[in-house]
C-alpha atoms as a PDB file:
ATOM      1  CA  MET A   1      34.352  -7.159  -6.345  1.00  0.00           C
ATOM      2  CA  ILE A   2      31.596  -4.803  -5.199  1.00  0.00           C
ATOM      3  CA  LYS A   3      31.714  -1.298  -6.674  1.00  0.00           C
ATOM      4  CA  LEU A   4      28.126  -0.126  -6.323  1.00  0.00           C
ATOM      5  CA  VAL A   5      25.691  -0.084  -3.382  1.00  0.00           C
ATOM      6  CA  ILE A   6      22.069   0.748  -4.227  1.00  0.00           C
ATOM      7  CA  PHE A   7      19.678   1.809  -1.456  1.00  0.00           C
ATOM      8  CA  ASP A   8      15.920   2.166  -1.562  1.00  0.00           C
ATOM      9  CA  LEU A   9      14.637   5.327   0.119  1.00  0.00           C
ATOM     10  CA  GLY A  10      11.181   4.833   1.672  1.00  0.00           C
ATOM     11  CA  ASN A  11      11.084   2.498   4.683  1.00  0.00           C
ATOM     12  CA  VAL A  12      14.869   2.053   4.430  1.00  0.00           C
ATOM     13  CA  LEU A  13      16.847   5.309   4.601  1.00  0.00           C
ATOM     14  CA  LEU A  14      13.652   7.193   5.338  1.00  0.00           C
ATOM     15  CA  LYS A  15      11.278   5.901   7.993  1.00  0.00           C
ATOM     16  CA  TYR A  16       8.007   6.181   6.137  1.00  0.00           C
ATOM     17  CA  ASP A  17       5.641   3.816   4.405  1.00  0.00           C
ATOM     18  CA  ASP A  18       2.507   4.735   2.467  1.00  0.00           C
ATOM     19  CA  SER A  19       0.581   2.180   4.531  1.00  0.00           C
ATOM     20  CA  GLU A  20       0.763   4.672   7.433  1.00  0.00           C
ATOM     21  CA  TYR A  21      -1.045   7.217   5.285  1.00  0.00           C
ATOM     22  CA  TYR A  22      -3.660   4.682   4.207  1.00  0.00           C
ATOM     23  CA  GLU A  23      -4.307   3.920   7.883  1.00  0.00           C
ATOM     24  CA  TYR A  24      -4.604   7.637   8.646  1.00  0.00           C
ATOM     25  CA  LEU A  25      -7.237   8.193   5.943  1.00  0.00           C
ATOM     26  CA  SER A  26      -9.071   5.029   6.925  1.00  0.00           C
ATOM     27  CA  LYS A  27      -9.444   6.126  10.546  1.00  0.00           C
ATOM     28  CA  LYS A  28     -10.147   9.789   9.820  1.00  0.00           C
ATOM     29  CA  TYR A  29     -12.907   9.156   7.275  1.00  0.00           C
ATOM     30  CA  GLY A  30     -14.194   5.754   8.377  1.00  0.00           C
ATOM     31  CA  ILE A  31     -13.266   4.041   5.122  1.00  0.00           C
ATOM     32  CA  PRO A  32     -11.999   0.434   5.208  1.00  0.00           C
ATOM     33  CA  TYR A  33      -8.204   0.319   4.994  1.00  0.00           C
ATOM     34  CA  GLU A  34      -8.323  -2.186   2.138  1.00  0.00           C
ATOM     35  CA  LYS A  35     -10.460   0.173   0.056  1.00  0.00           C
ATOM     36  CA  VAL A  36      -8.134   3.134   0.649  1.00  0.00           C
ATOM     37  CA  ALA A  37      -5.066   1.075  -0.205  1.00  0.00           C
ATOM     38  CA  SER A  38      -6.531  -0.536  -3.321  1.00  0.00           C
ATOM     39  CA  ILE A  39      -7.769   2.758  -4.778  1.00  0.00           C
ATOM     40  CA  ILE A  40      -4.497   4.612  -4.254  1.00  0.00           C
ATOM     41  CA  GLU A  41      -2.408   1.663  -5.440  1.00  0.00           C
ATOM     42  CA  ARG A  42      -4.563   1.551  -8.578  1.00  0.00           C
ATOM     43  CA  TYR A  43      -3.048   4.855  -9.681  1.00  0.00           C
ATOM     44  CA  ASN A  44       0.452   4.403  -8.262  1.00  0.00           C
ATOM     45  CA  THR A  45       2.032   2.798 -11.320  1.00  0.00           C
ATOM     46  CA  LYS A  46       1.047   5.752 -13.510  1.00  0.00           C
ATOM     47  CA  MET A  47       2.228   8.184 -10.842  1.00  0.00           C
ATOM     48  CA  TYR A  48       5.508   6.381 -10.202  1.00  0.00           C
ATOM     49  CA  THR A  49       6.313   6.263 -13.902  1.00  0.00           C
ATOM     50  CA  GLY A  50       5.457   9.897 -14.557  1.00  0.00           C
ATOM     51  CA  LYS A  51       2.405   9.096 -16.686  1.00  0.00           C
ATOM     52  CA  MET A  52      -0.153  10.845 -14.493  1.00  0.00           C
ATOM     53  CA  LYS A  53      -0.080  14.402 -13.156  1.00  0.00           C
ATOM     54  CA  ASN A  54      -0.446  14.988  -9.432  1.00  0.00           C
ATOM     55  CA  SER A  55      -3.624  17.026  -9.941  1.00  0.00           C
ATOM     56  CA  GLU A  56      -5.193  14.188 -11.935  1.00  0.00           C
ATOM     57  CA  PHE A  57      -4.158  11.681  -9.270  1.00  0.00           C
ATOM     58  CA  LEU A  58      -5.727  13.737  -6.485  1.00  0.00           C
ATOM     59  CA  ARG A  59      -8.959  14.213  -8.459  1.00  0.00           C
ATOM     60  CA  SER A  60      -9.207  10.484  -9.149  1.00  0.00           C
ATOM     61  CA  VAL A  61      -8.554   9.474  -5.540  1.00  0.00           C
ATOM     62  CA  SER A  62     -10.875  12.200  -4.268  1.00  0.00           C
ATOM     63  CA  LYS A  63     -13.725  10.979  -6.471  1.00  0.00           C
ATOM     64  CA  SER A  64     -13.168   7.299  -5.638  1.00  0.00           C
ATOM     65  CA  LEU A  65     -12.967   7.823  -1.864  1.00  0.00           C
ATOM     66  CA  ASN A  66     -15.455  10.720  -1.706  1.00  0.00           C
ATOM     67  CA  ILE A  67     -12.924  12.904   0.105  1.00  0.00           C
ATOM     68  CA  PRO A  68     -12.324  16.505  -1.068  1.00  0.00           C
ATOM     69  CA  ALA A  69      -9.003  16.698  -2.914  1.00  0.00           C
ATOM     70  CA  ASP A  70      -7.738  19.482  -0.654  1.00  0.00           C
ATOM     71  CA  LYS A  71      -8.372  17.272   2.388  1.00  0.00           C
ATOM     72  CA  LEU A  72      -6.307  14.301   1.201  1.00  0.00           C
ATOM     73  CA  GLU A  73      -3.081  15.737   2.705  1.00  0.00           C
ATOM     74  CA  PHE A  74      -1.028  13.309   0.625  1.00  0.00           C
ATOM     75  CA  ASP A  75       2.303  15.127   0.653  1.00  0.00           C
ATOM     76  CA  GLU A  76       1.570  17.110   3.792  1.00  0.00           C
ATOM     77  CA  TYR A  77       1.251  13.868   5.744  1.00  0.00           C
ATOM     78  CA  PHE A  78       4.538  12.613   4.295  1.00  0.00           C
ATOM     79  CA  ILE A  79       6.359  15.797   5.325  1.00  0.00           C
ATOM     80  CA  ARG A  80       4.886  15.604   8.844  1.00  0.00           C
ATOM     81  CA  LYS A  81       5.629  11.946   9.450  1.00  0.00           C
ATOM     82  CA  ALA A  82       8.761  10.969   7.477  1.00  0.00           C
ATOM     83  CA  ARG A  83      11.890  10.595   9.596  1.00  0.00           C
ATOM     84  CA  ILE A  84      15.477   9.890   8.602  1.00  0.00           C
ATOM     85  CA  ASN A  85      16.960   6.516   9.564  1.00  0.00           C
ATOM     86  CA  ARG A  86      20.013   8.322  10.911  1.00  0.00           C
ATOM     87  CA  LYS A  87      22.086   5.266  11.776  1.00  0.00           C
ATOM     88  CA  LEU A  88      21.676   3.717   8.340  1.00  0.00           C
ATOM     89  CA  LEU A  89      22.176   7.050   6.576  1.00  0.00           C
ATOM     90  CA  ASN A  90      25.496   7.601   8.349  1.00  0.00           C
ATOM     91  CA  PHE A  91      26.558   4.075   7.446  1.00  0.00           C
ATOM     92  CA  ALA A  92      25.570   4.554   3.797  1.00  0.00           C
ATOM     93  CA  LEU A  93      27.457   7.826   3.527  1.00  0.00           C
ATOM     94  CA  SER A  94      30.571   6.256   5.047  1.00  0.00           C
ATOM     95  CA  LEU A  95      30.582   3.735   2.200  1.00  0.00           C
ATOM     96  CA  LYS A  96      31.147   6.545  -0.316  1.00  0.00           C
ATOM     97  CA  ARG A  97      34.825   6.492   0.598  1.00  0.00           C
ATOM     98  CA  LYS A  98      35.104   3.085  -1.044  1.00  0.00           C
ATOM     99  CA  TYR A  99      32.002   2.499  -3.204  1.00  0.00           C
ATOM    100  CA  LYS A 100      29.617   4.383  -5.442  1.00  0.00           C
ATOM    101  CA  VAL A 101      26.479   4.779  -3.317  1.00  0.00           C
ATOM    102  CA  VAL A 102      23.167   5.597  -4.997  1.00  0.00           C
ATOM    103  CA  ILE A 103      19.432   5.662  -4.327  1.00  0.00           C
ATOM    104  CA  LEU A 104      16.821   3.888  -6.464  1.00  0.00           C
ATOM    105  CA  THR A 105      13.298   4.860  -5.474  1.00  0.00           C
ATOM    106  CA  ASN A 106       9.758   4.430  -6.741  1.00  0.00           C
ATOM    107  CA  VAL A 107       8.432   7.958  -6.395  1.00  0.00           C
ATOM    108  CA  TYR A 108       6.242  10.440  -8.212  1.00  0.00           C
ATOM    109  CA  VAL A 109       7.285  13.941  -9.225  1.00  0.00           C
ATOM    110  CA  LYS A 110       5.620  15.981  -6.459  1.00  0.00           C
ATOM    111  CA  ARG A 111       6.776  13.636  -3.691  1.00  0.00           C
ATOM    112  CA  TYR A 112      10.297  13.763  -5.139  1.00  0.00           C
ATOM    113  CA  SER A 113      10.217  17.558  -4.994  1.00  0.00           C
ATOM    114  CA  SER A 114       8.928  17.407  -1.389  1.00  0.00           C
ATOM    115  CA  THR A 115      11.629  15.013  -0.206  1.00  0.00           C
ATOM    116  CA  PRO A 116      14.366  17.668   0.334  1.00  0.00           C
ATOM    117  CA  ARG A 117      12.248  19.054   3.179  1.00  0.00           C
ATOM    118  CA  VAL A 118      12.984  15.870   5.137  1.00  0.00           C
ATOM    119  CA  PHE A 119      15.976  14.267   3.386  1.00  0.00           C
ATOM    120  CA  ASP A 120      19.050  15.617   1.560  1.00  0.00           C
ATOM    121  CA  LYS A 121      19.367  13.449  -1.550  1.00  0.00           C
ATOM    122  CA  SER A 122      22.408  15.383  -2.768  1.00  0.00           C
ATOM    123  CA  GLN A 123      24.592  13.510  -0.266  1.00  0.00           C
ATOM    124  CA  PHE A 124      24.491  10.476  -2.568  1.00  0.00           C
ATOM    125  CA  ASP A 125      26.473   9.909  -5.742  1.00  0.00           C
ATOM    126  CA  ARG A 126      23.264   9.656  -7.756  1.00  0.00           C
ATOM    127  CA  VAL A 127      19.524   9.396  -7.214  1.00  0.00           C
ATOM    128  CA  PHE A 128      17.425   7.359  -9.640  1.00  0.00           C
ATOM    129  CA  ALA A 129      13.724   8.235  -9.408  1.00  0.00           C
ATOM    130  CA  SER A 130      11.150   6.099 -11.208  1.00  0.00           C
ATOM    131  CA  CYS A 131       9.078   9.115 -12.273  1.00  0.00           C
ATOM    132  CA  PHE A 132      11.934  10.438 -14.403  1.00  0.00           C
ATOM    133  CA  ILE A 133      13.166   7.080 -15.701  1.00  0.00           C
ATOM    134  CA  LYS A 134       9.569   6.157 -16.661  1.00  0.00           C
ATOM    135  CA  MET A 135       9.994   2.706 -15.108  1.00  0.00           C
ATOM    136  CA  ARG A 136       9.405   1.405 -11.603  1.00  0.00           C
ATOM    137  CA  LYS A 137      10.728  -1.414  -9.479  1.00  0.00           C
ATOM    138  CA  PRO A 138      10.465  -4.405  -9.824  1.00  0.00           C
ATOM    139  CA  ASN A 139      10.719  -3.999 -13.624  1.00  0.00           C
ATOM    140  CA  LYS A 140      14.083  -5.606 -14.354  1.00  0.00           C
ATOM    141  CA  ASN A 141      14.901  -2.898 -16.888  1.00  0.00           C
ATOM    142  CA  ILE A 142      15.160  -0.265 -14.163  1.00  0.00           C
ATOM    143  CA  TYR A 143      17.976  -2.199 -12.479  1.00  0.00           C
ATOM    144  CA  MET A 144      19.796  -2.586 -15.777  1.00  0.00           C
ATOM    145  CA  TYR A 145      19.392   1.153 -16.347  1.00  0.00           C
ATOM    146  CA  VAL A 146      21.053   1.930 -13.003  1.00  0.00           C
ATOM    147  CA  LEU A 147      23.897  -0.484 -13.706  1.00  0.00           C
ATOM    148  CA  LYS A 148      24.508   1.091 -17.103  1.00  0.00           C
ATOM    149  CA  LYS A 149      24.517   4.639 -15.743  1.00  0.00           C
ATOM    150  CA  CYS A 150      26.874   3.625 -12.926  1.00  0.00           C
ATOM    151  CA  ARG A 151      29.083   1.582 -15.247  1.00  0.00           C
ATOM    152  CA  ALA A 152      28.798  -1.517 -13.095  1.00  0.00           C
ATOM    153  CA  LYS A 153      28.119  -5.168 -13.815  1.00  0.00           C
ATOM    154  CA  PRO A 154      25.396  -7.059 -11.910  1.00  0.00           C
ATOM    155  CA  ASP A 155      27.942  -8.973  -9.814  1.00  0.00           C
ATOM    156  CA  GLU A 156      29.591  -5.673  -8.831  1.00  0.00           C
ATOM    157  CA  ALA A 157      26.447  -4.318  -7.160  1.00  0.00           C
ATOM    158  CA  ILE A 158      24.406  -4.818  -4.006  1.00  0.00           C
ATOM    159  CA  PHE A 159      20.779  -3.707  -3.738  1.00  0.00           C
ATOM    160  CA  ILE A 160      18.842  -3.031  -0.515  1.00  0.00           C
ATOM    161  CA  ASP A 161      15.040  -2.640  -0.442  1.00  0.00           C
ATOM    162  CA  ASP A 162      12.261  -3.351   2.048  1.00  0.00           C
ATOM    163  CA  ARG A 163       9.926  -4.946  -0.501  1.00  0.00           C
ATOM    164  CA  LYS A 164      10.350  -8.583  -1.424  1.00  0.00           C
ATOM    165  CA  GLU A 165       9.205  -8.111  -5.019  1.00  0.00           C
ATOM    166  CA  ASN A 166      11.798  -5.388  -5.590  1.00  0.00           C
ATOM    167  CA  VAL A 167      14.559  -7.550  -4.151  1.00  0.00           C
ATOM    168  CA  GLU A 168      13.495 -10.412  -6.410  1.00  0.00           C
ATOM    169  CA  GLY A 169      13.476  -8.048  -9.397  1.00  0.00           C
ATOM    170  CA  ALA A 170      17.087  -7.070  -8.760  1.00  0.00           C
ATOM    171  CA  GLU A 171      18.109 -10.674  -8.174  1.00  0.00           C
ATOM    172  CA  SER A 172      16.565 -11.634 -11.520  1.00  0.00           C
ATOM    173  CA  VAL A 173      19.243  -9.589 -13.308  1.00  0.00           C
ATOM    174  CA  GLY A 174      22.063 -10.959 -11.165  1.00  0.00           C
ATOM    175  CA  ILE A 175      22.369  -8.261  -8.493  1.00  0.00           C
ATOM    176  CA  LYS A 176      23.022  -9.548  -4.977  1.00  0.00           C
ATOM    177  CA  SER A 177      20.118  -8.185  -2.943  1.00  0.00           C
ATOM    178  CA  ILE A 178      19.033  -7.892   0.680  1.00  0.00           C
ATOM    179  CA  GLN A 179      15.496  -7.336   1.919  1.00  0.00           C
ATOM    180  CA  PHE A 180      15.634  -4.679   4.625  1.00  0.00           C
ATOM    181  CA  LYS A 181      14.008  -5.611   7.933  1.00  0.00           C
ATOM    182  CA  ASP A 182      15.956  -3.526  10.436  1.00  0.00           C
ATOM    183  CA  ASN A 183      19.354  -1.866  10.767  1.00  0.00           C
ATOM    184  CA  GLY A 184      20.938  -4.636  12.810  1.00  0.00           C
ATOM    185  CA  SER A 185      20.152  -7.521  10.479  1.00  0.00           C
ATOM    186  CA  LEU A 186      21.093  -5.475   7.401  1.00  0.00           C
ATOM    187  CA  LEU A 187      24.481  -4.445   8.768  1.00  0.00           C
ATOM    188  CA  LYS A 188      25.141  -8.047   9.786  1.00  0.00           C
ATOM    189  CA  LYS A 189      24.352  -9.348   6.294  1.00  0.00           C
ATOM    190  CA  LEU A 190      26.469  -6.659   4.661  1.00  0.00           C
ATOM    191  CA  SER A 191      29.352  -7.454   7.000  1.00  0.00           C
ATOM    192  CA  GLU A 192      29.115 -11.099   5.967  1.00  0.00           C
ATOM    193  CA  LEU A 193      29.546  -9.880   2.386  1.00  0.00           C
ATOM    194  CA  GLY A 194      32.628  -7.911   3.378  1.00  0.00           C
ATOM    195  CA  ILE A 195      30.941  -4.520   3.463  1.00  0.00           C
ATOM    196  CA  SER A 196      31.243  -2.510   6.661  1.00  0.00           C
ATOM    197  CA  SER A 197      31.426   1.130   7.698  1.00  0.00           C
ATOM    198  CA  VAL A 198      34.417   2.871   6.131  1.00  0.00           C
ATOM    199  CA  LYS A 199      36.366   5.144   8.482  1.00  0.00           C
END
């Protein structure tokens, strides 16, 4: 019996992916997309697990890409471009009448503090942010941490994420998982599992 529904935030409940930002920098400064992506991703694990300060991250990226730190617009771009997936958000919130509904997101401290400007996290039962847990998806321990805090067993949870590796990470600990592609296919798969909007 399902008791817990775990949603990813970026590119699921929130329409935003860092690849959009990489593309923006690439075009604005004439730097190959692959170089932008690889340099930023190089520091992401430390950022997502709270092991690198935002100022240090910006200095490192600035030096590697030869772009002034104050011109990187990392969080400013996120605030400008991120949009709520309203249909899925309403569906997720309706589930609270029957299930515990939480967010599990790979995020760094400053982005987490910027998120309320575009998304109200307090609507969910709990929010688990990698930067505070000091682990990131797809580390299997982060899923076990969420289960423990929510007092749920793996077979009592469903996890939804847009990234294949994160879905596989959750599945490795026994959580039924769905890779998000679009609202329609997700709602169909959830319905097949007996989970639908709760009136």
